[in-house]
Amino acid sequence: MTRHRLIVNPAAGGGSAERSVPLIERLLRESGVEFDVVRTERPLHAIELAREAAESGVDVVVAVGGDGTANEALNGLIQAKTAGSGSAALGVLCVGRGNDFSFGVGIPRNLEAGCRALAADRRRTIDVGRATGGDFPEGRYFGNGVGIGFDTVVGLVAAKLKHQRGFTGYLVAALKTIFLYFKAPLVRVETDNGSTELRALMVSIMNGRRMGGGFMMAPDGRPDDGRFHLCIAKEVSRPRIFALILRFMNGTQASHPAIATELSTRVTVTAIDGTLPAHADGEILCEEGAEVTIEIVPAAIEIIVPLAGESR
């Protein structure tokens, strides 16, 4: 029988992850799923727990949390696989606020549907990305995307908000960032297609489709096509940033004159004037980095997805 290990981040979703455990356990037992449960105790703990699970022969590691928990579990599984010490599939039960990774790969947000997917054990192989630089010179893996510039600052501001969470909090933070915090750096962006220098409001390197719980950075993104979908926003005036935000919410930014899009398997972004605030799956890579390199790792991991036609 397939063995599952649930890695619960008790703080995810403002504590909703921990509150959801009894329901999750009941649903899995009713579905005949064999599982055990462990809890994270500190930042990056899920990386250790996922790696140890794969090394011990667990078949599926299930991240019970949001994008941060899923990212850590993914890193632990890729580390074990790369070292040749174990291999496991990744499942996610969504109890976080953003759940952008799950959105991009087709994992259901609904807990009942998520538990049914685990029981059905339908798998999909996806690419992941590896970001090197900033606070992670040894590299950090990601499933959804890397953001450099404006959206990283927005994420830092959003994390400090006490009363607004999820997409609403991200939107409030974006408005604050427009007026108070951000100056676009001069950067060099190198891709498979060449090199360009510009003052960039934001560089998004997407394996998935969405960031911030509602901003469609790559409406056509696919996590199994072997390429990143890039979205590069040039520096614009503050009033035009408002217009861009609305476009990103609708996924229609590609037709805006300040936006450039392309496909690439490798991207290097270097600060020429200023610094690079950057994140991977919402987890900070650096607040003032000098250079970040992002590479695709094709067909890197199996994930559990719902059966065709299953409600998300």
C-alpha atoms as a PDB file:
ATOM      1  CA  MET A   1       0.000   0.000   0.000  1.00  0.00           C
ATOM      2  CA  THR A   2       1.150   3.548  -0.788  1.00  0.00           C
ATOM      3  CA  ARG A   3       2.626   5.239   2.279  1.00  0.00           C
ATOM      4  CA  HIS A   4       1.905   8.944   2.815  1.00  0.00           C
ATOM      5  CA  ARG A   5       3.558  11.334   5.235  1.00  0.00           C
ATOM      6  CA  LEU A   6       1.734  14.573   5.946  1.00  0.00           C
ATOM      7  CA  ILE A   7       3.966  17.527   6.809  1.00  0.00           C
ATOM      8  CA  VAL A   8       1.788  20.065   8.594  1.00  0.00           C
ATOM      9  CA  ASN A   9       2.854  23.669   9.030  1.00  0.00           C
ATOM     10  CA  PRO A  10       0.723  24.599  12.083  1.00  0.00           C
ATOM     11  CA  ALA A  11       1.044  28.332  11.375  1.00  0.00           C
ATOM     12  CA  ALA A  12      -0.077  28.182   7.735  1.00  0.00           C
ATOM     13  CA  GLY A  13      -3.252  30.040   6.873  1.00  0.00           C
ATOM     14  CA  GLY A  14      -3.199  31.863  10.192  1.00  0.00           C
ATOM     15  CA  GLY A  15      -3.461  28.555  12.035  1.00  0.00           C
ATOM     16  CA  SER A  16      -6.059  26.983   9.741  1.00  0.00           C
ATOM     17  CA  ALA A  17      -3.614  24.193   8.855  1.00  0.00           C
ATOM     18  CA  GLU A  18      -3.554  22.897  12.410  1.00  0.00           C
ATOM     19  CA  ARG A  19      -7.304  23.307  12.784  1.00  0.00           C
ATOM     20  CA  SER A  20      -7.817  21.284   9.598  1.00  0.00           C
ATOM     21  CA  VAL A  21      -5.864  18.230  10.763  1.00  0.00           C
ATOM     22  CA  PRO A  22      -8.814  16.345  12.365  1.00  0.00           C
ATOM     23  CA  LEU A  23     -10.904  16.760   9.190  1.00  0.00           C
ATOM     24  CA  ILE A  24      -8.006  15.692   6.966  1.00  0.00           C
ATOM     25  CA  GLU A  25      -7.317  12.624   9.093  1.00  0.00           C
ATOM     26  CA  ARG A  26     -10.968  11.570   8.965  1.00  0.00           C
ATOM     27  CA  LEU A  27     -11.217  12.051   5.200  1.00  0.00           C
ATOM     28  CA  LEU A  28      -8.057  10.050   4.545  1.00  0.00           C
ATOM     29  CA  ARG A  29      -9.077   7.221   6.843  1.00  0.00           C
ATOM     30  CA  GLU A  30     -12.462   7.013   5.150  1.00  0.00           C
ATOM     31  CA  SER A  31     -10.655   6.779   1.800  1.00  0.00           C
ATOM     32  CA  GLY A  32      -8.370   3.995   3.003  1.00  0.00           C
ATOM     33  CA  VAL A  33      -5.190   6.076   2.752  1.00  0.00           C
ATOM     34  CA  GLU A  34      -2.228   4.940   4.875  1.00  0.00           C
ATOM     35  CA  PHE A  35      -0.549   7.964   6.450  1.00  0.00           C
ATOM     36  CA  ASP A  36       1.254   9.483   9.383  1.00  0.00           C
ATOM     37  CA  VAL A  37       1.577  13.105  10.437  1.00  0.00           C
ATOM     38  CA  VAL A  38       4.548  15.271  11.414  1.00  0.00           C
ATOM     39  CA  ARG A  39       4.620  18.991  12.167  1.00  0.00           C
ATOM     40  CA  THR A  40       7.142  21.683  11.349  1.00  0.00           C
ATOM     41  CA  GLU A  41       8.757  23.485  14.270  1.00  0.00           C
ATOM     42  CA  ARG A  42      10.811  26.200  12.567  1.00  0.00           C
ATOM     43  CA  PRO A  43      11.536  27.789   9.181  1.00  0.00           C
ATOM     44  CA  LEU A  44      13.000  25.347   6.620  1.00  0.00           C
ATOM     45  CA  HIS A  45      12.048  22.377   8.819  1.00  0.00           C
ATOM     46  CA  ALA A  46       9.793  20.967   6.097  1.00  0.00           C
ATOM     47  CA  ILE A  47      12.866  20.590   3.862  1.00  0.00           C
ATOM     48  CA  GLU A  48      14.452  18.289   6.433  1.00  0.00           C
ATOM     49  CA  LEU A  49      11.233  16.383   7.072  1.00  0.00           C
ATOM     50  CA  ALA A  50      10.537  15.807   3.371  1.00  0.00           C
ATOM     51  CA  ARG A  51      14.089  14.681   2.667  1.00  0.00           C
ATOM     52  CA  GLU A  52      14.001  12.285   5.626  1.00  0.00           C
ATOM     53  CA  ALA A  53      10.626  10.919   4.488  1.00  0.00           C
ATOM     54  CA  ALA A  54      11.928  10.166   0.991  1.00  0.00           C
ATOM     55  CA  GLU A  55      15.062   8.576   2.418  1.00  0.00           C
ATOM     56  CA  SER A  56      12.966   6.335   4.687  1.00  0.00           C
ATOM     57  CA  GLY A  57      10.918   4.978   1.769  1.00  0.00           C
ATOM     58  CA  VAL A  58       7.729   7.029   2.072  1.00  0.00           C
ATOM     59  CA  ASP A  59       5.913   7.017  -1.290  1.00  0.00           C
ATOM     60  CA  VAL A  60       4.105  10.393  -1.128  1.00  0.00           C
ATOM     61  CA  VAL A  61       5.019  13.435   0.950  1.00  0.00           C
ATOM     62  CA  VAL A  62       2.022  15.716   1.473  1.00  0.00           C
ATOM     63  CA  ALA A  63       2.563  19.386   2.295  1.00  0.00           C
ATOM     64  CA  VAL A  64      -0.308  20.617   4.468  1.00  0.00           C
ATOM     65  CA  GLY A  65       0.019  24.390   4.236  1.00  0.00           C
ATOM     66  CA  GLY A  66       0.481  27.105   1.657  1.00  0.00           C
ATOM     67  CA  ASP A  67       3.075  27.917  -0.964  1.00  0.00           C
ATOM     68  CA  GLY A  68       5.918  28.153   1.567  1.00  0.00           C
ATOM     69  CA  THR A  69       5.275  24.679   2.952  1.00  0.00           C
ATOM     70  CA  ALA A  70       4.940  23.216  -0.536  1.00  0.00           C
ATOM     71  CA  ASN A  71       8.189  24.888  -1.589  1.00  0.00           C
ATOM     72  CA  GLU A  72      10.098  23.485   1.364  1.00  0.00           C
ATOM     73  CA  ALA A  73       8.716  19.991   0.826  1.00  0.00           C
ATOM     74  CA  LEU A  74       9.622  20.183  -2.861  1.00  0.00           C
ATOM     75  CA  ASN A  75      13.187  21.212  -1.959  1.00  0.00           C
ATOM     76  CA  GLY A  76      13.574  18.299   0.432  1.00  0.00           C
ATOM     77  CA  LEU A  77      12.299  15.806  -2.149  1.00  0.00           C
ATOM     78  CA  ILE A  78      14.544  17.129  -4.912  1.00  0.00           C
ATOM     79  CA  GLN A  79      17.546  17.069  -2.563  1.00  0.00           C
ATOM     80  CA  ALA A  80      16.897  13.402  -1.743  1.00  0.00           C
ATOM     81  CA  LYS A  81      16.390  12.490  -5.390  1.00  0.00           C
ATOM     82  CA  THR A  82      19.513  14.373  -6.520  1.00  0.00           C
ATOM     83  CA  ALA A  83      21.583  12.643  -3.849  1.00  0.00           C
ATOM     84  CA  GLY A  84      20.193   9.262  -4.891  1.00  0.00           C
ATOM     85  CA  SER A  85      18.983   8.623  -1.349  1.00  0.00           C
ATOM     86  CA  GLY A  86      15.249   8.392  -1.990  1.00  0.00           C
ATOM     87  CA  SER A  87      12.381   9.329  -4.253  1.00  0.00           C
ATOM     88  CA  ALA A  88       8.810  10.311  -3.394  1.00  0.00           C
ATOM     89  CA  ALA A  89       5.926  12.095  -5.068  1.00  0.00           C
ATOM     90  CA  LEU A  90       4.614  15.414  -3.775  1.00  0.00           C
ATOM     91  CA  GLY A  91       1.044  15.993  -2.678  1.00  0.00           C
ATOM     92  CA  VAL A  92      -0.438  19.240  -1.388  1.00  0.00           C
ATOM     93  CA  LEU A  93      -3.470  19.873   0.789  1.00  0.00           C
ATOM     94  CA  CYS A  94      -4.254  23.574   0.479  1.00  0.00           C
ATOM     95  CA  VAL A  95      -4.767  25.391   3.760  1.00  0.00           C
ATOM     96  CA  GLY A  96      -2.635  28.451   3.018  1.00  0.00           C
ATOM     97  CA  ARG A  97      -3.652  31.853   1.714  1.00  0.00           C
ATOM     98  CA  GLY A  98      -2.168  32.058  -1.759  1.00  0.00           C
ATOM     99  CA  ASN A  99      -1.829  28.470  -3.042  1.00  0.00           C
ATOM    100  CA  ASP A 100      -0.367  29.707  -6.334  1.00  0.00           C
ATOM    101  CA  PHE A 101       1.754  26.600  -6.894  1.00  0.00           C
ATOM    102  CA  SER A 102      -1.299  24.372  -6.520  1.00  0.00           C
ATOM    103  CA  PHE A 103      -3.270  26.573  -8.902  1.00  0.00           C
ATOM    104  CA  GLY A 104      -0.605  26.280 -11.578  1.00  0.00           C
ATOM    105  CA  VAL A 105      -0.226  22.504 -11.466  1.00  0.00           C
ATOM    106  CA  GLY A 106      -3.888  21.595 -11.015  1.00  0.00           C
ATOM    107  CA  ILE A 107      -3.993  20.549  -7.367  1.00  0.00           C
ATOM    108  CA  PRO A 108      -7.475  21.168  -5.917  1.00  0.00           C
ATOM    109  CA  ARG A 109      -7.922  23.887  -3.325  1.00  0.00           C
ATOM    110  CA  ASN A 110     -10.858  22.058  -1.731  1.00  0.00           C
ATOM    111  CA  LEU A 111      -9.722  19.711   1.051  1.00  0.00           C
ATOM    112  CA  GLU A 112     -12.237  16.993   0.249  1.00  0.00           C
ATOM    113  CA  ALA A 113     -11.137  16.970  -3.401  1.00  0.00           C
ATOM    114  CA  GLY A 114      -7.508  17.030  -2.298  1.00  0.00           C
ATOM    115  CA  CYS A 115      -7.968  13.971  -0.113  1.00  0.00           C
ATOM    116  CA  ARG A 116      -9.793  12.143  -2.928  1.00  0.00           C
ATOM    117  CA  ALA A 117      -6.852  12.912  -5.200  1.00  0.00           C
ATOM    118  CA  LEU A 118      -4.432  11.382  -2.699  1.00  0.00           C
ATOM    119  CA  ALA A 119      -6.582   8.261  -2.506  1.00  0.00           C
ATOM    120  CA  ALA A 120      -6.742   7.965  -6.318  1.00  0.00           C
ATOM    121  CA  ASP A 121      -2.948   8.419  -6.578  1.00  0.00           C
ATOM    122  CA  ARG A 122      -3.032   9.938 -10.075  1.00  0.00           C
ATOM    123  CA  ARG A 123       0.382  11.428 -10.837  1.00  0.00           C
ATOM    124  CA  ARG A 124       1.734  14.115 -13.107  1.00  0.00           C
ATOM    125  CA  THR A 125       5.402  14.835 -13.784  1.00  0.00           C
ATOM    126  CA  ILE A 126       6.390  18.505 -13.764  1.00  0.00           C
ATOM    127  CA  ASP A 127       9.478  20.631 -14.244  1.00  0.00           C
ATOM    128  CA  VAL A 128      10.944  22.664 -11.420  1.00  0.00           C
ATOM    129  CA  GLY A 129      13.294  25.630 -11.396  1.00  0.00           C
ATOM    130  CA  ARG A 130      16.564  26.157  -9.565  1.00  0.00           C
ATOM    131  CA  ALA A 131      17.518  29.664  -8.465  1.00  0.00           C
ATOM    132  CA  THR A 132      21.134  30.378  -7.538  1.00  0.00           C
ATOM    133  CA  GLY A 133      22.361  33.597  -5.944  1.00  0.00           C
ATOM    134  CA  GLY A 134      21.524  36.011  -3.161  1.00  0.00           C
ATOM    135  CA  ASP A 135      21.158  34.164   0.151  1.00  0.00           C
ATOM    136  CA  PHE A 136      21.243  30.789  -1.633  1.00  0.00           C
ATOM    137  CA  PRO A 137      24.579  30.469  -3.468  1.00  0.00           C
ATOM    138  CA  GLU A 138      24.078  26.692  -3.356  1.00  0.00           C
ATOM    139  CA  GLY A 139      20.676  27.066  -5.035  1.00  0.00           C
ATOM    140  CA  ARG A 140      17.012  26.771  -4.079  1.00  0.00           C
ATOM    141  CA  TYR A 141      14.345  24.906  -6.034  1.00  0.00           C
ATOM    142  CA  PHE A 142      10.898  26.250  -6.815  1.00  0.00           C
ATOM    143  CA  GLY A 143       7.729  24.946  -8.404  1.00  0.00           C
ATOM    144  CA  ASN A 144       5.797  28.085  -9.315  1.00  0.00           C
ATOM    145  CA  GLY A 145       8.058  31.032 -10.059  1.00  0.00           C
ATOM    146  CA  VAL A 146      10.696  33.592  -9.202  1.00  0.00           C
ATOM    147  CA  GLY A 147       9.899  37.272  -8.870  1.00  0.00           C
ATOM    148  CA  ILE A 148      12.565  39.963  -8.989  1.00  0.00           C
ATOM    149  CA  GLY A 149      11.849  43.588  -8.114  1.00  0.00           C
ATOM    150  CA  PHE A 150       8.477  45.107  -7.353  1.00  0.00           C
ATOM    151  CA  ASP A 151       6.557  41.969  -6.416  1.00  0.00           C
ATOM    152  CA  THR A 152       9.246  40.875  -3.942  1.00  0.00           C
ATOM    153  CA  VAL A 153       9.032  44.223  -2.149  1.00  0.00           C
ATOM    154  CA  VAL A 154       5.244  43.866  -2.150  1.00  0.00           C
ATOM    155  CA  GLY A 155       5.604  40.443  -0.525  1.00  0.00           C
ATOM    156  CA  LEU A 156       7.852  41.865   2.188  1.00  0.00           C
ATOM    157  CA  VAL A 157       5.347  44.640   2.889  1.00  0.00           C
ATOM    158  CA  ALA A 158       2.416  42.198   2.864  1.00  0.00           C
ATOM    159  CA  ALA A 159       4.128  40.003   5.442  1.00  0.00           C
ATOM    160  CA  LYS A 160       4.078  42.927   7.886  1.00  0.00           C
ATOM    161  CA  LEU A 161       0.354  43.609   7.540  1.00  0.00           C
ATOM    162  CA  LYS A 162      -1.588  42.428  10.575  1.00  0.00           C
ATOM    163  CA  HIS A 163      -5.189  42.679   9.438  1.00  0.00           C
ATOM    164  CA  GLN A 164      -5.128  42.038   5.683  1.00  0.00           C
ATOM    165  CA  ARG A 165      -4.145  38.608   4.417  1.00  0.00           C
ATOM    166  CA  GLY A 166      -4.136  36.645   1.177  1.00  0.00           C
ATOM    167  CA  PHE A 167      -4.907  38.417  -2.085  1.00  0.00           C
ATOM    168  CA  THR A 168      -6.438  41.434  -0.301  1.00  0.00           C
ATOM    169  CA  GLY A 169      -3.309  41.912   1.780  1.00  0.00           C
ATOM    170  CA  TYR A 170      -1.122  41.574  -1.301  1.00  0.00           C
ATOM    171  CA  LEU A 171      -3.162  44.225  -3.103  1.00  0.00           C
ATOM    172  CA  VAL A 172      -2.927  46.627  -0.146  1.00  0.00           C
ATOM    173  CA  ALA A 173       0.819  46.024   0.012  1.00  0.00           C
ATOM    174  CA  ALA A 174       1.137  46.705  -3.726  1.00  0.00           C
ATOM    175  CA  LEU A 175      -0.506  50.102  -3.272  1.00  0.00           C
ATOM    176  CA  LYS A 176       1.816  50.936  -0.383  1.00  0.00           C
ATOM    177  CA  THR A 177       4.847  49.869  -2.385  1.00  0.00           C
ATOM    178  CA  ILE A 178       3.913  52.108  -5.309  1.00  0.00           C
ATOM    179  CA  PHE A 179       4.038  55.217  -3.134  1.00  0.00           C
ATOM    180  CA  LEU A 180       6.640  54.482  -0.492  1.00  0.00           C
ATOM    181  CA  TYR A 181       9.227  51.886  -1.225  1.00  0.00           C
ATOM    182  CA  PHE A 182      10.225  50.978  -4.745  1.00  0.00           C
ATOM    183  CA  LYS A 183      12.719  52.366  -7.264  1.00  0.00           C
ATOM    184  CA  ALA A 184      13.354  50.266 -10.340  1.00  0.00           C
ATOM    185  CA  PRO A 185      16.967  49.070 -10.654  1.00  0.00           C
ATOM    186  CA  LEU A 186      18.938  49.029 -13.894  1.00  0.00           C
ATOM    187  CA  VAL A 187      19.374  45.348 -14.724  1.00  0.00           C
ATOM    188  CA  ARG A 188      20.811  43.092 -17.376  1.00  0.00           C
ATOM    189  CA  VAL A 189      18.559  40.154 -18.307  1.00  0.00           C
ATOM    190  CA  GLU A 190      20.225  37.255 -20.139  1.00  0.00           C
ATOM    191  CA  THR A 191      18.072  34.493 -21.656  1.00  0.00           C
ATOM    192  CA  ASP A 192      18.306  31.832 -24.352  1.00  0.00           C
ATOM    193  CA  ASN A 193      17.401  34.591 -26.821  1.00  0.00           C
ATOM    194  CA  GLY A 194      20.101  37.128 -25.933  1.00  0.00           C
ATOM    195  CA  SER A 195      20.752  39.935 -23.463  1.00  0.00           C
ATOM    196  CA  THR A 196      19.101  43.268 -22.726  1.00  0.00           C
ATOM    197  CA  GLU A 197      19.602  46.096 -20.248  1.00  0.00           C
ATOM    198  CA  LEU A 198      16.720  48.117 -18.845  1.00  0.00           C
ATOM    199  CA  ARG A 199      15.245  49.682 -15.744  1.00  0.00           C
ATOM    200  CA  ALA A 200      12.907  46.891 -14.743  1.00  0.00           C
ATOM    201  CA  LEU A 201       9.943  47.342 -12.479  1.00  0.00           C
ATOM    202  CA  MET A 202       9.685  43.572 -12.252  1.00  0.00           C
ATOM    203  CA  VAL A 203      11.034  40.379 -13.800  1.00  0.00           C
ATOM    204  CA  SER A 204       8.855  37.291 -13.344  1.00  0.00           C
ATOM    205  CA  ILE A 205      10.240  33.880 -14.296  1.00  0.00           C
ATOM    206  CA  MET A 206       7.290  31.508 -14.204  1.00  0.00           C
ATOM    207  CA  ASN A 207       6.990  27.742 -14.177  1.00  0.00           C
ATOM    208  CA  GLY A 208       3.356  28.089 -13.125  1.00  0.00           C
ATOM    209  CA  ARG A 209       0.814  30.809 -13.904  1.00  0.00           C
ATOM    210  CA  ARG A 210      -0.081  32.979 -10.913  1.00  0.00           C
ATOM    211  CA  MET A 211       1.521  34.865  -8.018  1.00  0.00           C
ATOM    212  CA  GLY A 212       0.171  36.811  -5.061  1.00  0.00           C
ATOM    213  CA  GLY A 213      -3.057  34.831  -4.953  1.00  0.00           C
ATOM    214  CA  GLY A 214      -4.568  36.559  -7.991  1.00  0.00           C
ATOM    215  CA  PHE A 215      -1.978  38.060 -10.353  1.00  0.00           C
ATOM    216  CA  MET A 216      -1.690  36.095 -13.596  1.00  0.00           C
ATOM    217  CA  MET A 217       1.999  36.564 -14.345  1.00  0.00           C
ATOM    218  CA  ALA A 218       1.966  33.855 -17.020  1.00  0.00           C
ATOM    219  CA  PRO A 219      -1.580  33.104 -18.213  1.00  0.00           C
ATOM    220  CA  ASP A 220      -0.269  30.494 -20.652  1.00  0.00           C
ATOM    221  CA  GLY A 221       2.310  29.003 -18.294  1.00  0.00           C
ATOM    222  CA  ARG A 222       2.707  25.226 -18.200  1.00  0.00           C
ATOM    223  CA  PRO A 223       4.824  23.407 -15.619  1.00  0.00           C
ATOM    224  CA  ASP A 224       5.692  20.549 -17.981  1.00  0.00           C
ATOM    225  CA  ASP A 225       6.800  22.255 -21.186  1.00  0.00           C
ATOM    226  CA  GLY A 226      10.512  22.467 -20.329  1.00  0.00           C
ATOM    227  CA  ARG A 227      10.621  26.287 -20.441  1.00  0.00           C
ATOM    228  CA  PHE A 228      10.052  29.299 -18.235  1.00  0.00           C
ATOM    229  CA  HIS A 229       7.504  31.920 -19.229  1.00  0.00           C
ATOM    230  CA  LEU A 230       9.096  35.323 -18.639  1.00  0.00           C
ATOM    231  CA  CYS A 231       7.252  38.555 -18.037  1.00  0.00           C
ATOM    232  CA  ILE A 232       9.426  41.669 -17.870  1.00  0.00           C
ATOM    233  CA  ALA A 233       7.852  44.981 -16.859  1.00  0.00           C
ATOM    234  CA  LYS A 234       9.794  48.132 -17.708  1.00  0.00           C
ATOM    235  CA  GLU A 235       9.911  51.081 -15.337  1.00  0.00           C
ATOM    236  CA  VAL A 236       6.744  53.176 -15.655  1.00  0.00           C
ATOM    237  CA  SER A 237       5.210  56.121 -13.817  1.00  0.00           C
ATOM    238  CA  ARG A 238       3.165  55.516 -10.685  1.00  0.00           C
ATOM    239  CA  PRO A 239      -0.190  56.088 -12.397  1.00  0.00           C
ATOM    240  CA  ARG A 240       0.751  53.531 -15.051  1.00  0.00           C
ATOM    241  CA  ILE A 241       1.624  50.994 -12.354  1.00  0.00           C
ATOM    242  CA  PHE A 242      -2.028  51.099 -11.306  1.00  0.00           C
ATOM    243  CA  ALA A 243      -3.055  50.235 -14.846  1.00  0.00           C
ATOM    244  CA  LEU A 244      -0.519  47.403 -14.964  1.00  0.00           C
ATOM    245  CA  ILE A 245      -1.821  45.922 -11.712  1.00  0.00           C
ATOM    246  CA  LEU A 246      -5.293  45.683 -13.223  1.00  0.00           C
ATOM    247  CA  ARG A 247      -3.838  44.031 -16.318  1.00  0.00           C
ATOM    248  CA  PHE A 248      -1.989  41.452 -14.222  1.00  0.00           C
ATOM    249  CA  MET A 249      -5.175  40.657 -12.336  1.00  0.00           C
ATOM    250  CA  ASN A 250      -6.869  39.889 -15.652  1.00  0.00           C
ATOM    251  CA  GLY A 251      -3.866  38.281 -17.324  1.00  0.00           C
ATOM    252  CA  THR A 252      -3.941  40.809 -20.183  1.00  0.00           C
ATOM    253  CA  GLN A 253      -0.594  42.540 -19.544  1.00  0.00           C
ATOM    254  CA  ALA A 254       1.194  41.102 -22.593  1.00  0.00           C
ATOM    255  CA  SER A 255      -0.341  43.715 -24.921  1.00  0.00           C
ATOM    256  CA  HIS A 256       0.852  46.643 -22.772  1.00  0.00           C
ATOM    257  CA  PRO A 257       3.830  48.529 -24.279  1.00  0.00           C
ATOM    258  CA  ALA A 258       5.812  48.297 -21.030  1.00  0.00           C
ATOM    259  CA  ILE A 259       5.636  44.489 -20.996  1.00  0.00           C
ATOM    260  CA  ALA A 260       7.919  42.021 -22.751  1.00  0.00           C
ATOM    261  CA  THR A 261       7.366  38.266 -22.694  1.00  0.00           C
ATOM    262  CA  GLU A 262       9.475  35.359 -23.893  1.00  0.00           C
ATOM    263  CA  LEU A 263      10.303  31.701 -23.269  1.00  0.00           C
ATOM    264  CA  SER A 264      13.658  30.496 -21.962  1.00  0.00           C
ATOM    265  CA  THR A 265      15.268  27.557 -20.165  1.00  0.00           C
ATOM    266  CA  ARG A 266      17.801  29.730 -18.329  1.00  0.00           C
ATOM    267  CA  VAL A 267      17.693  33.323 -17.070  1.00  0.00           C
ATOM    268  CA  THR A 268      20.346  35.448 -15.372  1.00  0.00           C
ATOM    269  CA  VAL A 269      19.399  38.822 -13.916  1.00  0.00           C
ATOM    270  CA  THR A 270      22.223  41.129 -12.824  1.00  0.00           C
ATOM    271  CA  ALA A 271      21.932  44.467 -11.035  1.00  0.00           C
ATOM    272  CA  ILE A 272      23.942  47.157 -12.812  1.00  0.00           C
ATOM    273  CA  ASP A 273      22.589  50.058 -10.755  1.00  0.00           C
ATOM    274  CA  GLY A 274      20.686  49.245  -7.584  1.00  0.00           C
ATOM    275  CA  THR A 275      19.996  45.820  -6.079  1.00  0.00           C
ATOM    276  CA  LEU A 276      17.748  42.829  -6.675  1.00  0.00           C
ATOM    277  CA  PRO A 277      15.057  41.919  -4.181  1.00  0.00           C
ATOM    278  CA  ALA A 278      14.008  38.405  -5.228  1.00  0.00           C
ATOM    279  CA  HIS A 279      11.767  35.571  -4.098  1.00  0.00           C
ATOM    280  CA  ALA A 280      11.077  31.976  -5.150  1.00  0.00           C
ATOM    281  CA  ASP A 281       7.514  30.745  -4.556  1.00  0.00           C
ATOM    282  CA  GLY A 282       7.095  33.665  -2.153  1.00  0.00           C
ATOM    283  CA  GLU A 283      10.159  32.681  -0.099  1.00  0.00           C
ATOM    284  CA  ILE A 284      12.868  35.347  -0.016  1.00  0.00           C
ATOM    285  CA  LEU A 285      15.992  34.622  -2.039  1.00  0.00           C
ATOM    286  CA  CYS A 286      17.535  37.979  -1.206  1.00  0.00           C
ATOM    287  CA  GLU A 287      16.497  41.509  -0.291  1.00  0.00           C
ATOM    288  CA  GLU A 288      19.507  43.228  -1.882  1.00  0.00           C
ATOM    289  CA  GLY A 289      21.121  40.734  -4.230  1.00  0.00           C
ATOM    290  CA  ALA A 290      23.533  41.423  -7.074  1.00  0.00           C
ATOM    291  CA  GLU A 291      22.801  38.510  -9.428  1.00  0.00           C
ATOM    292  CA  VAL A 292      20.360  35.605  -9.641  1.00  0.00           C
ATOM    293  CA  THR A 293      20.487  32.729 -12.141  1.00  0.00           C
ATOM    294  CA  ILE A 294      17.431  30.552 -12.766  1.00  0.00           C
ATOM    295  CA  GLU A 295      17.576  27.226 -14.630  1.00  0.00           C
ATOM    296  CA  ILE A 296      14.852  24.755 -15.589  1.00  0.00           C
ATOM    297  CA  VAL A 297      15.088  21.183 -14.307  1.00  0.00           C
ATOM    298  CA  PRO A 298      12.876  19.195 -16.705  1.00  0.00           C
ATOM    299  CA  ALA A 299      10.564  16.424 -15.477  1.00  0.00           C
ATOM    300  CA  ALA A 300      11.985  16.735 -11.982  1.00  0.00           C
ATOM    301  CA  ILE A 301       9.190  15.495  -9.714  1.00  0.00           C
ATOM    302  CA  GLU A 302       5.878  13.665  -9.639  1.00  0.00           C
ATOM    303  CA  ILE A 303       2.902  15.374  -8.039  1.00  0.00           C
ATOM    304  CA  ILE A 304      -0.524  14.085  -7.081  1.00  0.00           C
ATOM    305  CA  VAL A 305      -3.355  15.649  -9.095  1.00  0.00           C
ATOM    306  CA  PRO A 306      -7.107  14.983  -9.241  1.00  0.00           C
ATOM    307  CA  LEU A 307      -8.764  12.670 -11.717  1.00  0.00           C
ATOM    308  CA  ALA A 308     -10.047  14.267 -14.903  1.00  0.00           C
ATOM    309  CA  GLY A 309     -13.258  16.162 -14.224  1.00  0.00           C
ATOM    310  CA  GLU A 310     -12.694  16.244 -10.439  1.00  0.00           C
ATOM    311  CA  SER A 311     -13.738  19.507  -8.782  1.00  0.00           C
ATOM    312  CA  ARG A 312     -10.931  21.861  -7.862  1.00  0.00           C
END
